[in-house]
Amino acid sequence: MLRKLGRFVEFSVFGEPVTVDWSIIGNKKELDIYGSHLGPYAYPVAIDLMARGELRMDGVVTHFLPLEQWHEALDLVIDGTRSIKVAIRP
């Protein structure tokens, strides 16, 4: 729920094109609507910071599994009840 003159922020990554009629929520309440997405250069920087131990992942990555256990890692992600993020180590 948003109050009149509120702010709506959409941050998403979609697998296919998505269309939204913003007038449904934007016109009547006079909302500020912001959108964002991951930039194309975000991944290399994040991976480098993680590799150097400069980006703390405590509490975010709940499981680290070796590459050989990729199937178990995928099962954890699909289940969704026992993990937040699952990382695979090469």
N, C-alpha and C. Protein backbone atom coordinates (compact mmCIF):
# COMPACT_ATOMS: atom_id res chain seq x y z
N MET A 1 0.84 -1.18 0.00
CA MET A 1 0.00 0.00 0.00
C MET A 1 0.88 1.24 0.00
N LEU A 2 0.44 2.23 -0.71
CA LEU A 2 1.16 3.50 -0.76
C LEU A 2 0.19 4.64 -0.47
N ARG A 3 0.66 5.59 0.29
CA ARG A 3 -0.16 6.76 0.57
C ARG A 3 -0.15 7.70 -0.63
N LYS A 4 -1.07 8.60 -0.67
CA LYS A 4 -1.07 9.61 -1.71
C LYS A 4 0.23 10.39 -1.64
N LEU A 5 0.81 10.69 -2.79
CA LEU A 5 2.08 11.38 -2.94
C LEU A 5 3.25 10.53 -2.42
N GLY A 6 3.06 9.21 -2.34
CA GLY A 6 4.11 8.31 -1.87
C GLY A 6 5.12 8.00 -2.97
N ARG A 7 6.06 7.12 -2.64
CA ARG A 7 7.12 6.75 -3.57
C ARG A 7 7.10 5.24 -3.77
N PHE A 8 7.08 4.82 -5.03
CA PHE A 8 7.11 3.40 -5.38
C PHE A 8 8.43 3.13 -6.11
N VAL A 9 9.20 2.14 -5.61
CA VAL A 9 10.47 1.79 -6.23
C VAL A 9 10.38 0.35 -6.70
N GLU A 10 10.61 0.12 -7.98
CA GLU A 10 10.60 -1.22 -8.57
C GLU A 10 12.03 -1.59 -8.93
N PHE A 11 12.54 -2.65 -8.30
CA PHE A 11 13.87 -3.16 -8.61
C PHE A 11 13.69 -4.63 -8.95
N SER A 12 13.87 -4.97 -10.19
CA SER A 12 13.61 -6.35 -10.61
C SER A 12 14.51 -6.75 -11.76
N VAL A 13 14.61 -8.05 -11.91
CA VAL A 13 15.26 -8.64 -13.07
C VAL A 13 14.27 -9.64 -13.63
N PHE A 14 13.85 -9.43 -14.86
CA PHE A 14 12.84 -10.28 -15.47
C PHE A 14 13.46 -11.14 -16.56
N GLY A 15 12.91 -12.33 -16.74
CA GLY A 15 13.39 -13.24 -17.77
C GLY A 15 12.79 -12.98 -19.13
N GLU A 16 11.78 -12.12 -19.18
CA GLU A 16 11.14 -11.81 -20.46
C GLU A 16 10.55 -10.41 -20.38
N PRO A 17 10.18 -9.82 -21.50
CA PRO A 17 9.63 -8.46 -21.47
C PRO A 17 8.37 -8.38 -20.61
N VAL A 18 8.24 -7.29 -19.85
CA VAL A 18 7.11 -7.08 -18.96
C VAL A 18 6.53 -5.70 -19.25
N THR A 19 5.22 -5.63 -19.31
CA THR A 19 4.57 -4.33 -19.49
C THR A 19 3.68 -4.07 -18.29
N VAL A 20 3.65 -2.81 -17.89
CA VAL A 20 2.86 -2.41 -16.73
C VAL A 20 2.14 -1.11 -17.08
N ASP A 21 0.88 -1.02 -16.72
CA ASP A 21 0.12 0.22 -16.89
C ASP A 21 0.28 1.04 -15.62
N TRP A 22 1.30 1.92 -15.59
CA TRP A 22 1.57 2.69 -14.39
C TRP A 22 0.47 3.69 -14.07
N SER A 23 -0.36 4.04 -15.04
CA SER A 23 -1.43 5.00 -14.78
C SER A 23 -2.42 4.48 -13.74
N ILE A 24 -2.50 3.18 -13.59
CA ILE A 24 -3.41 2.60 -12.60
C ILE A 24 -3.05 3.05 -11.19
N ILE A 25 -1.76 3.10 -10.89
CA ILE A 25 -1.36 3.51 -9.54
C ILE A 25 -0.75 4.91 -9.51
N GLY A 26 -0.31 5.41 -10.64
CA GLY A 26 0.40 6.69 -10.65
C GLY A 26 -0.49 7.91 -10.71
N ASN A 27 -1.55 7.87 -11.47
CA ASN A 27 -2.36 9.07 -11.69
C ASN A 27 -3.23 9.43 -10.50
N LYS A 28 -3.90 8.48 -9.90
CA LYS A 28 -4.85 8.79 -8.82
C LYS A 28 -4.15 9.22 -7.53
N LYS A 29 -2.99 8.65 -7.27
CA LYS A 29 -2.30 8.96 -6.02
C LYS A 29 -1.13 9.92 -6.20
N GLU A 30 -0.83 10.29 -7.42
CA GLU A 30 0.27 11.19 -7.72
C GLU A 30 1.57 10.68 -7.10
N LEU A 31 1.90 9.44 -7.41
CA LEU A 31 3.08 8.80 -6.85
C LEU A 31 4.34 9.17 -7.61
N ASP A 32 5.46 9.10 -6.91
CA ASP A 32 6.77 9.13 -7.55
C ASP A 32 7.11 7.68 -7.83
N ILE A 33 7.34 7.35 -9.10
CA ILE A 33 7.63 5.97 -9.48
C ILE A 33 9.05 5.90 -10.01
N TYR A 34 9.86 5.05 -9.38
CA TYR A 34 11.25 4.87 -9.76
C TYR A 34 11.48 3.42 -10.17
N GLY A 35 12.37 3.22 -11.11
CA GLY A 35 12.73 1.88 -11.52
C GLY A 35 14.24 1.76 -11.60
N SER A 36 14.71 0.53 -11.45
CA SER A 36 16.13 0.31 -11.52
C SER A 36 16.39 -1.12 -11.98
N HIS A 37 17.60 -1.37 -12.41
CA HIS A 37 18.02 -2.72 -12.80
C HIS A 37 19.52 -2.81 -12.63
N LEU A 38 20.03 -4.01 -12.72
CA LEU A 38 21.47 -4.20 -12.58
C LEU A 38 22.17 -3.66 -13.82
N GLY A 39 23.23 -2.93 -13.61
CA GLY A 39 24.01 -2.43 -14.73
C GLY A 39 24.89 -3.52 -15.32
N PRO A 40 25.29 -3.37 -16.56
CA PRO A 40 26.07 -4.42 -17.23
C PRO A 40 27.46 -4.62 -16.63
N TYR A 41 27.96 -3.65 -15.86
CA TYR A 41 29.30 -3.76 -15.31
C TYR A 41 29.29 -4.09 -13.82
N ALA A 42 28.12 -4.38 -13.25
CA ALA A 42 28.01 -4.64 -11.82
C ALA A 42 28.61 -5.99 -11.43
N TYR A 43 28.44 -7.00 -12.24
CA TYR A 43 28.89 -8.34 -11.87
C TYR A 43 30.40 -8.45 -11.71
N PRO A 44 31.22 -7.99 -12.66
CA PRO A 44 32.68 -8.12 -12.47
C PRO A 44 33.18 -7.44 -11.21
N VAL A 45 32.64 -6.27 -10.88
CA VAL A 45 33.07 -5.56 -9.68
C VAL A 45 32.67 -6.35 -8.44
N ALA A 46 31.44 -6.82 -8.40
CA ALA A 46 30.96 -7.59 -7.24
C ALA A 46 31.75 -8.88 -7.07
N ILE A 47 32.03 -9.58 -8.16
CA ILE A 47 32.79 -10.83 -8.10
C ILE A 47 34.20 -10.56 -7.58
N ASP A 48 34.82 -9.49 -8.05
CA ASP A 48 36.16 -9.15 -7.60
C ASP A 48 36.17 -8.82 -6.11
N LEU A 49 35.21 -8.04 -5.64
CA LEU A 49 35.13 -7.70 -4.23
C LEU A 49 34.92 -8.94 -3.37
N MET A 50 34.09 -9.85 -3.83
CA MET A 50 33.85 -11.10 -3.09
C MET A 50 35.12 -11.95 -3.07
N ALA A 51 35.82 -12.05 -4.19
CA ALA A 51 37.03 -12.87 -4.28
C ALA A 51 38.13 -12.36 -3.35
N ARG A 52 38.19 -11.04 -3.17
CA ARG A 52 39.20 -10.45 -2.30
C ARG A 52 38.76 -10.38 -0.84
N GLY A 53 37.54 -10.84 -0.56
CA GLY A 53 37.03 -10.83 0.80
C GLY A 53 36.63 -9.46 1.31
N GLU A 54 36.43 -8.52 0.40
CA GLU A 54 36.08 -7.15 0.79
C GLU A 54 34.57 -6.91 0.83
N LEU A 55 33.80 -7.89 0.41
CA LEU A 55 32.34 -7.76 0.44
C LEU A 55 31.81 -8.84 1.36
N ARG A 56 31.32 -8.45 2.51
CA ARG A 56 30.85 -9.42 3.50
C ARG A 56 29.54 -10.05 3.03
N MET A 57 29.50 -11.35 3.09
CA MET A 57 28.31 -12.08 2.65
C MET A 57 27.65 -12.83 3.81
N ASP A 58 28.11 -12.54 5.04
CA ASP A 58 27.52 -13.19 6.22
C ASP A 58 26.02 -12.95 6.24
N GLY A 59 25.27 -14.02 6.37
CA GLY A 59 23.83 -13.90 6.46
C GLY A 59 23.12 -13.81 5.13
N VAL A 60 23.86 -13.56 4.05
CA VAL A 60 23.25 -13.51 2.73
C VAL A 60 23.43 -14.85 2.04
N VAL A 61 24.68 -15.27 1.93
CA VAL A 61 24.96 -16.58 1.34
C VAL A 61 24.87 -17.60 2.47
N THR A 62 23.86 -18.45 2.40
CA THR A 62 23.63 -19.41 3.47
C THR A 62 24.31 -20.74 3.22
N HIS A 63 24.68 -21.02 1.98
CA HIS A 63 25.32 -22.29 1.64
C HIS A 63 26.44 -22.07 0.62
N PHE A 64 27.60 -22.68 0.88
CA PHE A 64 28.70 -22.73 -0.08
C PHE A 64 28.93 -24.20 -0.39
N LEU A 65 28.79 -24.57 -1.65
CA LEU A 65 28.98 -25.97 -2.05
C LEU A 65 30.02 -26.05 -3.16
N PRO A 66 30.78 -27.16 -3.20
CA PRO A 66 31.74 -27.34 -4.29
C PRO A 66 31.02 -27.61 -5.60
N LEU A 67 31.70 -27.33 -6.70
CA LEU A 67 31.12 -27.51 -8.02
C LEU A 67 30.55 -28.92 -8.21
N GLU A 68 31.21 -29.90 -7.62
CA GLU A 68 30.76 -31.28 -7.76
C GLU A 68 29.37 -31.51 -7.16
N GLN A 69 28.95 -30.63 -6.27
CA GLN A 69 27.63 -30.76 -5.65
C GLN A 69 26.62 -29.78 -6.24
N TRP A 70 26.77 -29.46 -7.52
CA TRP A 70 25.90 -28.49 -8.18
C TRP A 70 24.44 -28.91 -8.11
N HIS A 71 24.19 -30.22 -8.17
CA HIS A 71 22.81 -30.69 -8.15
C HIS A 71 22.16 -30.40 -6.79
N GLU A 72 22.89 -30.63 -5.71
CA GLU A 72 22.38 -30.33 -4.38
C GLU A 72 22.14 -28.83 -4.21
N ALA A 73 23.05 -28.03 -4.78
CA ALA A 73 22.89 -26.57 -4.72
C ALA A 73 21.62 -26.14 -5.43
N LEU A 74 21.38 -26.71 -6.59
CA LEU A 74 20.17 -26.38 -7.34
C LEU A 74 18.92 -26.81 -6.58
N ASP A 75 18.97 -27.97 -5.94
CA ASP A 75 17.83 -28.43 -5.14
C ASP A 75 17.53 -27.46 -4.00
N LEU A 76 18.57 -26.93 -3.35
CA LEU A 76 18.36 -25.95 -2.28
C LEU A 76 17.65 -24.70 -2.80
N VAL A 77 18.07 -24.23 -3.98
CA VAL A 77 17.47 -23.03 -4.56
C VAL A 77 16.01 -23.30 -4.94
N ILE A 78 15.76 -24.44 -5.56
CA ILE A 78 14.39 -24.77 -5.99
C ILE A 78 13.48 -24.92 -4.78
N ASP A 79 13.97 -25.57 -3.73
CA ASP A 79 13.18 -25.75 -2.50
C ASP A 79 12.82 -24.39 -1.91
N GLY A 80 13.81 -23.52 -1.75
CA GLY A 80 13.57 -22.16 -1.30
C GLY A 80 13.25 -21.99 0.18
N THR A 81 13.15 -23.07 0.95
CA THR A 81 12.81 -22.95 2.36
C THR A 81 14.02 -23.07 3.29
N ARG A 82 15.15 -23.54 2.75
CA ARG A 82 16.32 -23.79 3.59
C ARG A 82 17.49 -22.89 3.24
N SER A 83 17.31 -21.95 2.33
CA SER A 83 18.43 -21.12 1.90
C SER A 83 17.96 -19.73 1.51
N ILE A 84 18.92 -18.80 1.51
CA ILE A 84 18.67 -17.46 0.95
C ILE A 84 19.42 -17.38 -0.37
N LYS A 85 20.74 -17.52 -0.31
CA LYS A 85 21.58 -17.57 -1.50
C LYS A 85 22.48 -18.79 -1.40
N VAL A 86 22.69 -19.44 -2.51
CA VAL A 86 23.54 -20.62 -2.56
C VAL A 86 24.69 -20.31 -3.53
N ALA A 87 25.93 -20.47 -3.04
CA ALA A 87 27.10 -20.21 -3.88
C ALA A 87 27.79 -21.51 -4.20
N ILE A 88 28.28 -21.61 -5.44
CA ILE A 88 29.03 -22.79 -5.88
C ILE A 88 30.48 -22.39 -6.06
N ARG A 89 31.38 -23.12 -5.39
CA ARG A 89 32.82 -22.85 -5.50
C ARG A 89 33.43 -23.74 -6.55
N PRO A 90 34.18 -23.16 -7.49
CA PRO A 90 34.80 -23.99 -8.54
C PRO A 90 35.92 -24.86 -7.98
